[in-house]
Structure formats: C-alpha cells, structure tokens
C-alpha atoms as a PDB file:
ATOM      1  CA  MET A   1       0.147  -0.238   0.633  1.00  0.00           C
ATOM      2  CA  ASP A   2       1.394   3.515  -0.980  1.00  0.00           C
ATOM      3  CA  PHE A   3      -0.285   6.828   0.581  1.00  0.00           C
ATOM      4  CA  ASP A   4       1.936   8.455  -0.979  1.00  0.00           C
ATOM      5  CA  THR A   5      -0.996   9.297  -4.007  1.00  0.00           C
ATOM      6  CA  ILE A   6      -4.181   8.812  -3.060  1.00  0.00           C
ATOM      7  CA  ASP A   7      -5.876   7.545  -6.005  1.00  0.00           C
ATOM      8  CA  GLY A   8      -9.154   5.707  -7.276  1.00  0.00           C
ATOM      9  CA  GLU A   9      -6.659   2.356  -7.412  1.00  0.00           C
ATOM     10  CA  LEU A  10      -5.462   3.037  -4.174  1.00  0.00           C
ATOM     11  CA  VAL A  11      -8.915   3.483  -2.600  1.00  0.00           C
ATOM     12  CA  ALA A  12     -10.423   0.523  -4.958  1.00  0.00           C
ATOM     13  CA  GLY A  13      -7.726  -1.859  -3.293  1.00  0.00           C
ATOM     14  CA  LEU A  14      -8.684  -0.178  -0.063  1.00  0.00           C
ATOM     15  CA  LEU A  15     -12.408  -1.061  -0.140  1.00  0.00           C
ATOM     16  CA  LEU A  16     -12.003  -4.311  -1.952  1.00  0.00           C
ATOM     17  CA  LEU A  17      -9.249  -6.138   1.027  1.00  0.00           C
ATOM     18  CA  LEU A  18     -12.193  -4.125   3.681  1.00  0.00           C
ATOM     19  CA  LEU A  19     -14.649  -5.403   2.018  1.00  0.00           C
ATOM     20  CA  ILE A  20     -13.415  -9.480   2.516  1.00  0.00           C
ATOM     21  CA  GLY A  21     -11.569  -8.349   5.902  1.00  0.00           C
ATOM     22  CA  LEU A  22     -14.767  -6.763   7.265  1.00  0.00           C
ATOM     23  CA  GLY A  23     -17.502  -7.377   5.517  1.00  0.00           C
ATOM     24  CA  PRO A  24     -19.787  -9.624   6.150  1.00  0.00           C
ATOM     25  CA  LYS A  25     -19.526 -12.893   3.285  1.00  0.00           C
ATOM     26  CA  ILE A  26     -17.660 -14.595   6.364  1.00  0.00           C
ATOM     27  CA  ALA A  27     -19.465 -13.687   9.204  1.00  0.00           C
ATOM     28  CA  LEU A  28     -22.842 -14.301   7.234  1.00  0.00           C
ATOM     29  CA  VAL A  29     -22.831 -17.912   7.532  1.00  0.00           C
ATOM     30  CA  PRO A  30     -21.903 -18.534  11.118  1.00  0.00           C
ATOM     31  CA  PHE A  31     -24.227 -15.846  12.513  1.00  0.00           C
ATOM     32  CA  LEU A  32     -27.891 -17.641  10.760  1.00  0.00           C
ATOM     33  CA  GLU A  33     -26.032 -20.909  12.246  1.00  0.00           C
ATOM     34  CA  LYS A  34     -25.341 -19.404  16.230  1.00  0.00           C
ATOM     35  CA  THR A  35     -28.812 -17.557  16.090  1.00  0.00           C
ATOM     36  CA  HIS A  36     -31.038 -19.567  13.889  1.00  0.00           C
ATOM     37  CA  GLY A  37     -34.244 -20.231  16.628  1.00  0.00           C
ATOM     38  CA  MET A  38     -33.809 -16.858  17.934  1.00  0.00           C
ATOM     39  CA  ASP A  39     -36.694 -14.342  17.342  1.00  0.00           C
ATOM     40  CA  ALA A  40     -36.089 -10.914  15.003  1.00  0.00           C
ATOM     41  CA  ALA A  41     -35.521  -8.689  17.788  1.00  0.00           C
ATOM     42  CA  THR A  42     -32.570 -10.897  19.323  1.00  0.00           C
ATOM     43  CA  LYS A  43     -30.938 -11.092  16.067  1.00  0.00           C
ATOM     44  CA  ARG A  44     -31.471  -6.970  15.345  1.00  0.00           C
ATOM     45  CA  GLU A  45     -29.360  -6.841  19.139  1.00  0.00           C
ATOM     46  CA  ILE A  46     -26.569  -9.306  18.222  1.00  0.00           C
ATOM     47  CA  GLY A  47     -26.020  -7.806  14.761  1.00  0.00           C
ATOM     48  CA  THR A  48     -25.744  -4.402  16.061  1.00  0.00           C
ATOM     49  CA  ARG A  49     -23.577  -5.135  18.533  1.00  0.00           C
ATOM     50  CA  MET A  50     -21.511  -7.289  16.671  1.00  0.00           C
ATOM     51  CA  VAL A  51     -20.557  -5.106  14.238  1.00  0.00           C
ATOM     52  CA  THR A  52     -20.391  -1.918  16.497  1.00  0.00           C
ATOM     53  CA  ILE A  53     -17.024  -4.136  18.690  1.00  0.00           C
ATOM     54  CA  ALA A  54     -16.138  -5.064  15.397  1.00  0.00           C
ATOM     55  CA  VAL A  55     -15.855  -1.183  13.531  1.00  0.00           C
ATOM     56  CA  VAL A  56     -14.591   0.353  16.936  1.00  0.00           C
ATOM     57  CA  THR A  57     -12.247  -2.309  17.047  1.00  0.00           C
ATOM     58  CA  ALA A  58     -10.765  -2.329  14.007  1.00  0.00           C
ATOM     59  CA  LEU A  59      -9.997   2.027  13.793  1.00  0.00           C
ATOM     60  CA  ILE A  60      -8.485   1.245  17.112  1.00  0.00           C
ATOM     61  CA  LEU A  61      -5.935  -1.287  15.146  1.00  0.00           C
ATOM     62  CA  PHE A  62      -5.685   1.696  12.222  1.00  0.00           C
ATOM     63  CA  LEU A  63      -5.169   4.407  14.776  1.00  0.00           C
ATOM     64  CA  ALA A  64      -2.827   2.063  17.229  1.00  0.00           C
ATOM     65  CA  GLY A  65      -1.308  -0.024  14.580  1.00  0.00           C
ATOM     66  CA  ALA A  66       2.108   1.673  13.736  1.00  0.00           C
ATOM     67  CA  PHE A  67       2.802   2.120  17.768  1.00  0.00           C
ATOM     68  CA  LEU A  68       1.944  -1.497  18.242  1.00  0.00           C
ATOM     69  CA  MET A  69       4.841  -2.279  15.849  1.00  0.00           C
ATOM     70  CA  LYS A  70       7.387   0.002  17.113  1.00  0.00           C
ATOM     71  CA  LEU A  71       6.098  -0.982  20.647  1.00  0.00           C
ATOM     72  CA  LEU A  72       6.277  -5.321  19.711  1.00  0.00           C
ATOM     73  CA  HIS A  73       9.315  -4.847  17.396  1.00  0.00           C
ATOM     74  CA  ILE A  74       7.860  -6.307  14.451  1.00  0.00           C
ATOM     75  CA  THR A  75       7.478  -5.793  11.055  1.00  0.00           C
ATOM     76  CA  GLY A  76       4.862  -5.345   7.850  1.00  0.00           C
ATOM     77  CA  GLY A  77       6.180  -9.059   6.881  1.00  0.00           C
ATOM     78  CA  ALA A  78       5.892 -10.110   9.774  1.00  0.00           C
ATOM     79  CA  VAL A  79       2.094  -8.887  10.660  1.00  0.00           C
ATOM     80  CA  SER A  80       1.244  -9.912   7.222  1.00  0.00           C
ATOM     81  CA  ILE A  81       2.384 -13.666   7.912  1.00  0.00           C
ATOM     82  CA  GLY A  82       0.947 -13.927  11.216  1.00  0.00           C
ATOM     83  CA  GLY A  83      -1.998 -13.067   9.246  1.00  0.00           C
ATOM     84  CA  GLY A  84      -2.074 -14.983   6.689  1.00  0.00           C
ATOM     85  CA  ILE A  85      -1.222 -18.226   9.210  1.00  0.00           C
ATOM     86  CA  VAL A  86      -4.146 -17.280  11.821  1.00  0.00           C
ATOM     87  CA  LEU A  87      -7.211 -16.907   8.111  1.00  0.00           C
ATOM     88  CA  MET A  88      -5.502 -19.984   7.276  1.00  0.00           C
ATOM     89  CA  LEU A  89      -6.402 -22.103  10.051  1.00  0.00           C
ATOM     90  CA  LEU A  90     -10.513 -19.960   9.683  1.00  0.00           C
ATOM     91  CA  ALA A  91     -10.540 -20.538   5.833  1.00  0.00           C
ATOM     92  CA  LEU A  92      -9.764 -24.297   6.198  1.00  0.00           C
ATOM     93  CA  LYS A  93     -11.879 -24.864   8.789  1.00  0.00           C
ATOM     94  CA  MET A  94     -14.313 -23.011   6.137  1.00  0.00           C
ATOM     95  CA  THR A  95     -14.091 -25.344   4.120  1.00  0.00           C
ATOM     96  CA  LEU A  96     -13.193 -28.887   5.518  1.00  0.00           C
ATOM     97  CA  ARG A  97     -16.554 -27.814   8.489  1.00  0.00           C
ATOM     98  CA  PRO A  98     -16.224 -30.789  10.579  1.00  0.00           C
ATOM     99  CA  GLU A  99     -19.686 -32.159  11.496  1.00  0.00           C
ATOM    100  CA  GLU A 100     -20.523 -31.247  14.780  1.00  0.00           C
ATOM    101  CA  PRO A 101     -21.991 -34.213  17.577  1.00  0.00           C
ATOM    102  CA  PRO A 102     -25.093 -34.156  18.110  1.00  0.00           C
ATOM    103  CA  VAL A 103     -26.468 -31.245  21.593  1.00  0.00           C
ATOM    104  CA  ARG A 104     -28.716 -33.806  23.754  1.00  0.00           C
ATOM    105  CA  ALA A 105     -32.234 -31.866  24.420  1.00  0.00           C
ATOM    106  CA  ASP A 106     -31.729 -31.855  27.870  1.00  0.00           C
ATOM    107  CA  GLU A 107     -28.326 -30.548  27.425  1.00  0.00           C
ATOM    108  CA  GLY A 108     -29.701 -27.387  24.573  1.00  0.00           C
ATOM    109  CA  ALA A 109     -32.317 -26.635  27.678  1.00  0.00           C
ATOM    110  CA  GLU A 110     -29.765 -26.314  29.844  1.00  0.00           C
ATOM    111  CA  LYS A 111     -27.339 -24.358  28.711  1.00  0.00           C
ATOM    112  CA  GLU A 112     -28.009 -20.531  28.118  1.00  0.00           C
ATOM    113  CA  ILE A 113     -26.470 -18.810  25.397  1.00  0.00           C
ATOM    114  CA  ASP A 114     -24.860 -15.593  26.072  1.00  0.00           C
ATOM    115  CA  HIS A 115     -25.733 -13.209  23.558  1.00  0.00           C
ATOM    116  CA  HIS A 116     -23.533 -10.351  24.582  1.00  0.00           C
ATOM    117  CA  GLN A 117     -20.335 -12.987  24.971  1.00  0.00           C
ATOM    118  CA  LEU A 118     -21.831 -14.149  20.510  1.00  0.00           C
ATOM    119  CA  ALA A 119     -21.523 -10.609  19.661  1.00  0.00           C
ATOM    120  CA  VAL A 120     -17.926 -10.239  20.752  1.00  0.00           C
ATOM    121  CA  TYR A 121     -16.461 -13.784  20.445  1.00  0.00           C
ATOM    122  CA  PRO A 122     -16.304 -15.462  17.748  1.00  0.00           C
ATOM    123  CA  LEU A 123     -19.055 -13.298  15.558  1.00  0.00           C
ATOM    124  CA  ALA A 124     -17.421  -9.922  15.665  1.00  0.00           C
ATOM    125  CA  VAL A 125     -13.446 -11.721  15.950  1.00  0.00           C
ATOM    126  CA  PRO A 126     -12.614 -13.116  14.279  1.00  0.00           C
ATOM    127  CA  TYR A 127     -15.138 -13.612  11.474  1.00  0.00           C
ATOM    128  CA  LEU A 128     -16.589  -9.894  10.545  1.00  0.00           C
ATOM    129  CA  LEU A 129     -13.071  -8.500  11.767  1.00  0.00           C
ATOM    130  CA  ASN A 130     -11.111 -11.144  10.624  1.00  0.00           C
ATOM    131  CA  PRO A 131      -7.151 -11.511   9.913  1.00  0.00           C
ATOM    132  CA  VAL A 132      -7.226 -10.179   6.375  1.00  0.00           C
ATOM    133  CA  GLY A 133      -8.765  -6.889   8.058  1.00  0.00           C
ATOM    134  CA  MET A 134      -6.734  -6.706  10.732  1.00  0.00           C
ATOM    135  CA  THR A 135      -3.690  -7.168   8.787  1.00  0.00           C
ATOM    136  CA  VAL A 136      -4.629  -4.829   6.432  1.00  0.00           C
ATOM    137  CA  LEU A 137      -5.607  -2.394   8.884  1.00  0.00           C
ATOM    138  CA  ILE A 138      -2.123  -2.616  11.047  1.00  0.00           C
ATOM    139  CA  VAL A 139      -0.223  -2.094   7.606  1.00  0.00           C
ATOM    140  CA  ALA A 140      -1.967   0.903   6.164  1.00  0.00           C
ATOM    141  CA  SER A 141      -1.612   2.501   9.653  1.00  0.00           C
ATOM    142  CA  ASP A 142       2.414   2.206   9.615  1.00  0.00           C
ATOM    143  CA  LYS A 143       2.601   3.220   6.032  1.00  0.00           C
ATOM    144  CA  VAL A 144      -0.157   6.126   5.668  1.00  0.00           C
ATOM    145  CA  SER A 145       1.840   9.242   5.172  1.00  0.00           C
ATOM    146  CA  SER A 146      -0.587  11.934   6.029  1.00  0.00           C
ATOM    147  CA  ILE A 147      -3.699  12.871   7.698  1.00  0.00           C
ATOM    148  CA  TRP A 148      -5.703  12.761   4.461  1.00  0.00           C
ATOM    149  CA  GLY A 149      -4.876   8.721   4.210  1.00  0.00           C
ATOM    150  CA  TYR A 150      -6.094   8.630   7.812  1.00  0.00           C
ATOM    151  CA  LEU A 151      -9.477   9.936   7.288  1.00  0.00           C
ATOM    152  CA  LEU A 152      -9.932   7.848   3.656  1.00  0.00           C
ATOM    153  CA  VAL A 153      -9.037   4.850   5.761  1.00  0.00           C
ATOM    154  CA  ILE A 154     -11.560   5.520   9.226  1.00  0.00           C
ATOM    155  CA  ALA A 155     -13.898   6.446   6.320  1.00  0.00           C
ATOM    156  CA  LEU A 156     -13.813   3.698   4.456  1.00  0.00           C
ATOM    157  CA  VAL A 157     -14.204   1.047   8.146  1.00  0.00           C
ATOM    158  CA  LEU A 158     -17.323   3.720   8.251  1.00  0.00           C
ATOM    159  CA  LEU A 159     -18.989   3.095   4.986  1.00  0.00           C
ATOM    160  CA  VAL A 160     -18.349  -0.878   5.262  1.00  0.00           C
ATOM    161  CA  GLY A 161     -19.200  -0.795   9.038  1.00  0.00           C
ATOM    162  CA  ALA A 162     -21.988   0.845   7.595  1.00  0.00           C
ATOM    163  CA  PHE A 163     -22.797  -1.722   4.877  1.00  0.00           C
ATOM    164  CA  ASP A 164     -22.621  -4.535   7.199  1.00  0.00           C
ATOM    165  CA  MET A 165     -25.196  -3.272   9.635  1.00  0.00           C
ATOM    166  CA  LEU A 166     -27.764  -3.120   7.335  1.00  0.00           C
ATOM    167  CA  VAL A 167     -27.063  -6.612   6.185  1.00  0.00           C
ATOM    168  CA  PHE A 168     -26.845  -7.813  10.108  1.00  0.00           C
ATOM    169  CA  ARG A 169     -29.897  -6.048  10.979  1.00  0.00           C
ATOM    170  CA  ASN A 170     -31.671  -7.678   8.358  1.00  0.00           C
ATOM    171  CA  THR A 171     -30.949 -11.189   8.365  1.00  0.00           C
ATOM    172  CA  ASP A 172     -34.420 -12.727   8.286  1.00  0.00           C
ATOM    173  CA  LYS A 173     -34.861 -11.772   4.905  1.00  0.00           C
ATOM    174  CA  LEU A 174     -31.541 -13.122   3.892  1.00  0.00           C
ATOM    175  CA  ALA A 175     -32.495 -16.359   5.474  1.00  0.00           C
ATOM    176  CA  LYS A 176     -35.547 -16.789   3.899  1.00  0.00           C
ATOM    177  CA  ARG A 177     -33.183 -16.989   0.273  1.00  0.00           C
ATOM    178  CA  LEU A 178     -30.644 -19.039   1.824  1.00  0.00           C
ATOM    179  CA  THR A 179     -30.896 -22.523   2.142  1.00  0.00           C
ATOM    180  CA  PRO A 180     -29.240 -25.021   4.058  1.00  0.00           C
ATOM    181  CA  THR A 181     -27.117 -26.693   1.381  1.00  0.00           C
ATOM    182  CA  LYS A 182     -26.411 -23.119   0.091  1.00  0.00           C
ATOM    183  CA  MET A 183     -24.873 -21.783   2.411  1.00  0.00           C
ATOM    184  CA  ILE A 184     -23.047 -24.664   3.177  1.00  0.00           C
ATOM    185  CA  VAL A 185     -21.688 -24.192  -0.358  1.00  0.00           C
ATOM    186  CA  SER A 186     -20.802 -20.909  -0.337  1.00  0.00           C
ATOM    187  CA  GLU A 187     -19.469 -21.340   2.830  1.00  0.00           C
ATOM    188  CA  ILE A 188     -17.018 -23.826   1.230  1.00  0.00           C
ATOM    189  CA  VAL A 189     -16.240 -22.112  -1.670  1.00  0.00           C
ATOM    190  CA  PHE A 190     -14.999 -18.804   0.046  1.00  0.00           C
ATOM    191  CA  GLY A 191     -13.612 -21.284   2.604  1.00  0.00           C
ATOM    192  CA  ILE A 192     -11.192 -22.020  -0.556  1.00  0.00           C
ATOM    193  CA  LEU A 193     -11.010 -18.680  -1.758  1.00  0.00           C
ATOM    194  CA  LEU A 194      -9.835 -17.694   1.893  1.00  0.00           C
ATOM    195  CA  THR A 195      -7.085 -20.230   1.936  1.00  0.00           C
ATOM    196  CA  ALA A 196      -5.682 -18.422  -1.170  1.00  0.00           C
ATOM    197  CA  VAL A 197      -5.564 -15.278   0.168  1.00  0.00           C
ATOM    198  CA  ALA A 198      -4.162 -16.702   3.230  1.00  0.00           C
ATOM    199  CA  VAL A 199      -1.251 -17.985   0.806  1.00  0.00           C
ATOM    200  CA  GLN A 200      -1.086 -14.662  -0.443  1.00  0.00           C
ATOM    201  CA  LEU A 201      -0.096 -12.739   2.807  1.00  0.00           C
ATOM    202  CA  ILE A 202       2.556 -15.358   3.777  1.00  0.00           C
ATOM    203  CA  ALA A 203       4.250 -14.408  -0.014  1.00  0.00           C
ATOM    204  CA  TYR A 204       3.649 -11.205   0.800  1.00  0.00           C
ATOM    205  CA  GLY A 205       5.205 -11.643   4.706  1.00  0.00           C
ATOM    206  CA  LEU A 206       8.590 -14.427   3.092  1.00  0.00           C
ATOM    207  CA  ALA A 207       8.731 -11.004   0.250  1.00  0.00           C
ATOM    208  CA  ALA A 208       9.532  -8.634   2.648  1.00  0.00           C
ATOM    209  CA  TYR A 209      12.299 -10.553   4.467  1.00  0.00           C
ATOM    210  CA  GLY A 210      13.722 -11.023   0.469  1.00  0.00           C
ATOM    211  CA  VAL A 211      12.674 -15.079   1.462  1.00  0.00           C
ATOM    212  CA  ILE A 212      10.656 -15.044  -2.352  1.00  0.00           C
ATOM    213  CA  ASP A 213      10.540 -13.243  -5.534  1.00  0.00           C
ATOM    214  CA  PRO A 214       7.670 -10.802  -4.716  1.00  0.00           C
ATOM    215  CA  LEU A 215       6.797 -10.842  -8.492  1.00  0.00           C
ATOM    216  CA  GLY A 216       6.779 -14.903  -7.894  1.00  0.00           C
ATOM    217  CA  HIS A 217       9.996 -15.749 -10.855  1.00  0.00           C
END
C-alpha cells in the first residue's frame, strides 16, 4: 500500500480488502447458524452489537497499529505472515466443516446462550473483523503518511461498517433465500478463496523479508 498518492486505485484496493477483512460474507453463515431459532429482535440486537464492536476494534487497530508494531518490534512482513497463518486456519475450518456432535435435548435446555458474549466472540472477532482486516489496518497504520490517508481509511472502515449494519439488521430476509445447502456450498467455496488469500498474505510477508521473489519468478 502506497499512501504517497491517494488515487482511485488505492481507494478501490483498500475498499476491496476491507470488504474481505471487515465485510459480511465470512461472518454471515456463522451468524445465521448461531442465531438460528432466536426471535428477530434478538438477532438485530446481536447483529448491531457485533458490527459496532468490530468497527470500533478496527478503528483502534488502525490508529494504534504503527505504535504497536514499534512497541513489539515487528515488521509489516511479520504481520502479513501471522495474519496469513491465522486466516488459513479459519479458512480451512470453513472449507472442511467438520460435523459437530449432536446436542441432546436436555443439554440444550440447560445451556443458556450469552448473547453479548456471542456478539463479541466469535462473531465480531474473528469472523466479521478477520485476520485480513486486522493485517490491512495494522500495515496501513504504518504506511499512512498524511491526514488525508488517515481520513480515507477511517471513512472506508465506517462505510463497510454501515454496509455490515444493513446486512446484519436484516438477516431474516436473507435467511429466507439461503437454504442450508446454499449456505454450506457458499461457505466451502469462499473458504477455498480465503485459503488462497492467506497464502498470498504469507507470500507478501516472505517477500518483504527477501525470502522469495515478490513477483513469484
């Protein structure tokens, strides 16, 4: 990311990365699965809290990212590799989808769901704000060189957050069009694509250390 010149290419690239790293796609299927059977008001409450926490965390990461990198003596390459590894684990979980053991009726009745905790983990982090978003925001924090760069990233985070809010406050309408088969297939396909993104993040990190050719030659 080069913030020396703010142009359409930079804006489009950042927006695309934030839609992957903070957008609704990765979190949508887990959200629908974990809130299945809840009433519409509860779903909207969890969705609103989830998006709010993810956006606030994203802004804090961006504003404090450069300081954290200096404090911990880490580089952008290390952040890319670390983010890629965590993203790969998440993507493989989405792709392989191991079947969960069935819950007995008596167990389900005894176990109450903490809606606030559910909204924070795992929905807000690491599903909505996932390793791609964290990596992009921390690296951008280190690369940004002007007040306009800061304003651009903050504006894009808020824009994607507004889109998330629109989606997760209207999941009942989306759920009617998403059959279990469609949800499973879309999650597996997207998990494969995310695995490729994870590999690319690791490649960027290795290239930053000079381990491999950044052009892949």
